[in-house]
Amino acid sequence: MNSSELLFHKEAFDKIPEEKRKRVLEAATTEFADYGFENTSIQQIAKKAEISVGSVYKYFENKEELFSMVVKEGLSLLEELLVKHSSSDEDVIVKAEAVLKELLRFSRKHPQLIKLYCSITTGNNTEFSSMLAKRVESISANVYTEVIKSAQKTGDIREDISPEFFAFLLNNIFMMLQFSISCDYYRERFKVYVGEDVYEKDDFLVNQTMKFIKAAFKRG
């Protein structure tokens, strides 16, 4: 499902200055990431954005719409990143490494967005969060599955693997690395396994991750 379908806001939001729109979305992202959807209020977001509560309701019908808008913005960035590299004619392993490097950079540049996605995965099992989780995952699921299928047709990777299941495994690796860079618990967990200096070793992380992926995708 295209990320534009997550666009839920009132016409008034499009009419305010870009700086103000950015301030509102950044404030909402931070509050939702730090406190989760259920524990974040419109009042908190308005205070963080330095606007009135009434102004928030001029731009969004309710908290669900604002949350959806925040997720949509993050999805747009992620979708652009994935499509950019997956559509190239390069070998699947080269594509995977390019995506991995971009995701690591993305996670360092937008840690609050990654924390927000982490909160979605660990939040209450409500119909709303379930719907958003499916939309978040659908982008990477479709892209990775199609890349693997294409590579199988050209003989770049082994044919005896399930594209759908390996797309799931690949996404899990990438997602856990993103969480391990941005989310407090996973950051500490990462240090336990790899060492206190792990965040100064991006080349090592990319190299070791790609060895793991290549061993899974290539024969012998």
Protein backbone atom coordinates (compact mmCIF):
# COMPACT_ATOMS: atom_id res chain seq x y z
CA MET A 1 0.00 0.00 0.00
CA ASN A 2 1.40 3.37 -1.00
CA SER A 3 2.47 5.51 1.94
CA SER A 4 0.43 8.44 0.61
CA GLU A 5 -2.69 6.62 1.80
CA LEU A 6 -1.62 7.41 5.35
CA LEU A 7 -2.13 11.13 4.70
CA PHE A 8 -4.78 12.31 7.17
CA HIS A 9 -4.88 16.00 7.98
CA LYS A 10 -7.05 19.02 7.47
CA GLU A 11 -6.54 21.50 4.65
CA ALA A 12 -5.39 24.12 7.16
CA PHE A 13 -2.20 22.16 7.82
CA ASP A 14 -1.08 22.66 4.21
CA LYS A 15 -1.53 26.41 4.50
CA ILE A 16 0.81 27.09 7.41
CA PRO A 17 4.52 27.88 6.86
CA GLU A 18 6.79 24.90 6.20
CA GLU A 19 8.84 25.67 9.32
CA LYS A 20 5.71 25.39 11.46
CA ARG A 21 4.60 22.13 9.81
CA LYS A 22 8.04 20.70 10.43
CA ARG A 23 7.97 21.85 14.06
CA VAL A 24 4.59 20.21 14.69
CA LEU A 25 5.60 16.90 13.11
CA GLU A 26 8.96 16.82 14.89
CA ALA A 27 7.29 17.51 18.22
CA ALA A 28 4.72 14.78 17.60
CA THR A 29 7.40 12.32 16.51
CA THR A 30 9.43 12.94 19.66
CA GLU A 31 6.46 12.62 22.03
CA PHE A 32 5.06 9.49 20.36
CA ALA A 33 8.52 7.91 20.26
CA ASP A 34 9.25 8.66 23.92
CA TYR A 35 5.85 7.88 25.43
CA GLY A 36 4.01 5.71 22.91
CA PHE A 37 0.69 6.43 21.24
CA GLU A 38 -1.51 5.64 24.24
CA ASN A 39 0.47 7.77 26.70
CA THR A 40 0.92 10.83 24.50
CA SER A 41 -1.60 13.66 24.59
CA ILE A 42 -2.39 16.48 22.20
CA GLN A 43 -1.54 18.83 25.06
CA GLN A 44 2.02 17.41 25.26
CA ILE A 45 2.53 17.78 21.54
CA ALA A 46 1.17 21.33 21.45
CA LYS A 47 3.48 22.37 24.28
CA LYS A 48 6.49 20.76 22.60
CA ALA A 49 5.65 22.47 19.29
CA GLU A 50 5.00 25.80 21.03
CA ILE A 51 1.50 26.14 19.62
CA SER A 52 -1.97 26.05 21.18
CA VAL A 53 -4.02 22.90 21.59
CA GLY A 54 -6.69 24.54 19.46
CA SER A 55 -4.20 24.95 16.63
CA VAL A 56 -3.46 21.23 16.65
CA TYR A 57 -7.16 20.51 16.24
CA LYS A 58 -7.31 22.98 13.35
CA TYR A 59 -4.77 20.79 11.55
CA PHE A 60 -5.83 17.29 12.66
CA GLU A 61 -9.17 15.78 13.55
CA ASN A 62 -7.71 13.76 16.43
CA LYS A 63 -4.58 12.11 17.78
CA GLU A 64 -4.94 9.15 15.41
CA GLU A 65 -4.71 11.43 12.38
CA LEU A 66 -1.63 13.18 13.72
CA PHE A 67 0.04 9.86 14.50
CA SER A 68 -0.79 8.62 10.98
CA MET A 69 0.73 11.74 9.49
CA VAL A 70 3.94 11.26 11.45
CA VAL A 71 4.18 7.64 10.31
CA LYS A 72 3.43 8.65 6.72
CA GLU A 73 6.30 11.13 6.72
CA GLY A 74 8.69 8.47 7.98
CA LEU A 75 7.41 5.94 5.46
CA SER A 76 7.97 8.35 2.60
CA LEU A 77 11.64 8.71 3.55
CA LEU A 78 12.07 4.97 3.98
CA GLU A 79 10.26 4.14 0.76
CA GLU A 80 12.41 6.57 -1.21
CA LEU A 81 15.55 5.01 0.25
CA LEU A 82 14.55 1.42 -0.53
CA VAL A 83 13.24 2.06 -4.05
CA LYS A 84 16.35 4.04 -4.95
CA HIS A 85 18.64 1.07 -4.38
CA SER A 86 16.34 -1.85 -5.19
CA SER A 87 15.61 -0.57 -8.69
CA SER A 88 19.26 -0.60 -9.80
CA ASP A 89 20.73 -3.29 -12.07
CA GLU A 90 23.42 -4.26 -9.57
CA ASP A 91 23.92 -7.68 -8.01
CA VAL A 92 21.54 -8.42 -5.13
CA ILE A 93 24.40 -8.51 -2.62
CA VAL A 94 25.59 -5.09 -3.78
CA LYS A 95 22.01 -3.81 -3.42
CA ALA A 96 21.70 -5.28 0.07
CA GLU A 97 24.95 -3.63 1.19
CA ALA A 98 23.87 -0.26 -0.23
CA VAL A 99 20.51 -0.51 1.57
CA LEU A 100 22.23 -1.52 4.82
CA LYS A 101 24.58 1.46 4.73
CA GLU A 102 21.68 3.82 4.00
CA LEU A 103 19.59 2.37 6.82
CA LEU A 104 22.43 2.85 9.29
CA ARG A 105 22.79 6.48 8.18
CA PHE A 106 19.02 6.94 8.29
CA SER A 107 18.87 5.57 11.85
CA ARG A 108 21.54 7.97 13.07
CA LYS A 109 19.90 10.93 11.33
CA HIS A 110 16.32 10.09 12.39
CA PRO A 111 16.60 8.23 15.73
CA GLN A 112 13.18 9.41 16.90
CA LEU A 113 11.49 7.87 13.85
CA ILE A 114 13.18 4.54 14.56
CA LYS A 115 12.12 4.78 18.21
CA LEU A 116 8.60 5.44 16.99
CA TYR A 117 8.61 2.30 14.83
CA CYS A 118 10.00 0.37 17.77
CA SER A 119 7.11 1.60 19.92
CA ILE A 120 4.65 0.40 17.25
CA THR A 121 6.15 -3.10 17.32
CA THR A 122 5.98 -3.31 21.11
CA GLY A 123 2.74 -1.40 21.73
CA ASN A 124 -0.71 -2.59 22.63
CA ASN A 125 -2.31 -4.92 20.10
CA THR A 126 -5.04 -2.48 19.12
CA GLU A 127 -6.66 -2.46 15.70
CA PHE A 128 -5.10 0.93 15.02
CA SER A 129 -1.52 -0.08 15.79
CA SER A 130 -2.00 -3.35 13.90
CA MET A 131 -3.13 -1.46 10.81
CA LEU A 132 -0.14 0.89 10.96
CA ALA A 133 2.32 -1.95 11.54
CA LYS A 134 1.08 -3.71 8.43
CA ARG A 135 1.53 -0.58 6.38
CA VAL A 136 5.01 0.02 7.78
CA GLU A 137 6.09 -3.53 6.95
CA SER A 138 4.41 -3.74 3.54
CA ILE A 139 6.98 -1.43 1.93
CA SER A 140 10.07 -3.44 2.89
CA ALA A 141 8.25 -6.77 2.42
CA ASN A 142 7.32 -5.96 -1.17
CA VAL A 143 10.70 -4.48 -2.09
CA TYR A 144 12.85 -7.24 -0.57
CA THR A 145 10.67 -10.05 -1.93
CA GLU A 146 10.77 -8.71 -5.48
CA VAL A 147 14.54 -8.13 -5.34
CA ILE A 148 15.11 -11.72 -4.20
CA LYS A 149 12.78 -13.14 -6.87
CA SER A 150 14.54 -11.13 -9.55
CA ALA A 151 17.97 -12.30 -8.36
CA GLN A 152 16.80 -15.92 -8.47
CA LYS A 153 15.72 -15.51 -12.09
CA THR A 154 19.14 -14.17 -13.08
CA GLY A 155 20.97 -16.83 -11.08
CA ASP A 156 22.56 -14.34 -8.69
CA ILE A 157 21.33 -16.25 -5.64
CA ARG A 158 20.28 -19.81 -4.87
CA GLU A 159 16.90 -21.04 -6.08
CA ASP A 160 16.08 -23.29 -3.12
CA ILE A 161 15.00 -20.48 -0.79
CA SER A 162 11.60 -18.87 -0.26
CA PRO A 163 11.74 -15.21 -1.42
CA GLU A 164 9.00 -14.24 1.04
CA PHE A 165 10.60 -15.91 4.06
CA PHE A 166 14.11 -14.70 3.25
CA ALA A 167 12.70 -11.18 2.78
CA PHE A 168 11.28 -11.52 6.30
CA LEU A 169 14.65 -12.66 7.67
CA LEU A 170 16.54 -9.92 5.83
CA ASN A 171 14.17 -7.26 7.13
CA ASN A 172 14.54 -8.61 10.67
CA ILE A 173 18.31 -8.21 10.45
CA PHE A 174 18.07 -4.67 9.14
CA MET A 175 15.32 -3.68 11.58
CA MET A 176 17.21 -5.03 14.59
CA LEU A 177 20.33 -3.09 13.57
CA GLN A 178 18.22 0.07 13.33
CA PHE A 179 16.69 -0.55 16.75
CA SER A 180 20.14 -1.29 18.15
CA ILE A 181 21.34 2.14 17.06
CA SER A 182 18.32 4.17 18.16
CA CYS A 183 16.42 2.48 21.01
CA ASP A 184 17.74 2.46 24.57
CA TYR A 185 17.18 -1.22 25.45
CA TYR A 186 18.48 -2.49 22.14
CA ARG A 187 21.50 -0.17 22.32
CA GLU A 188 22.53 -1.70 25.64
CA ARG A 189 21.80 -5.19 24.35
CA PHE A 190 24.01 -4.51 21.32
CA LYS A 191 26.90 -3.50 23.59
CA VAL A 192 26.59 -6.74 25.58
CA TYR A 193 27.02 -8.80 22.42
CA VAL A 194 29.49 -6.73 20.39
CA GLY A 195 31.28 -4.43 22.86
CA GLU A 196 31.06 -0.92 24.25
CA ASP A 197 32.72 0.57 21.16
CA VAL A 198 30.22 -0.95 18.71
CA TYR A 199 28.89 2.47 17.65
CA GLU A 200 32.32 3.46 16.36
CA LYS A 201 32.51 0.41 14.09
CA ASP A 202 30.11 0.93 11.19
CA ASP A 203 32.54 -0.63 8.71
CA PHE A 204 32.74 -3.71 10.92
CA LEU A 205 28.94 -3.92 11.21
CA VAL A 206 28.44 -3.68 7.46
CA ASN A 207 31.22 -6.16 6.70
CA GLN A 208 30.03 -8.78 9.18
CA THR A 209 26.35 -8.40 8.29
CA MET A 210 27.10 -8.80 4.59
CA LYS A 211 29.13 -11.96 5.24
CA PHE A 212 26.10 -13.38 7.04
CA ILE A 213 23.71 -12.40 4.24
CA LYS A 214 26.00 -13.61 1.46
CA ALA A 215 26.44 -16.98 3.16
CA ALA A 216 22.66 -17.37 3.30
CA PHE A 217 21.94 -16.24 -0.27
CA LYS A 218 24.81 -17.80 -2.19
CA ARG A 219 25.54 -21.48 -2.75
CA GLY A 220 28.68 -23.02 -1.28
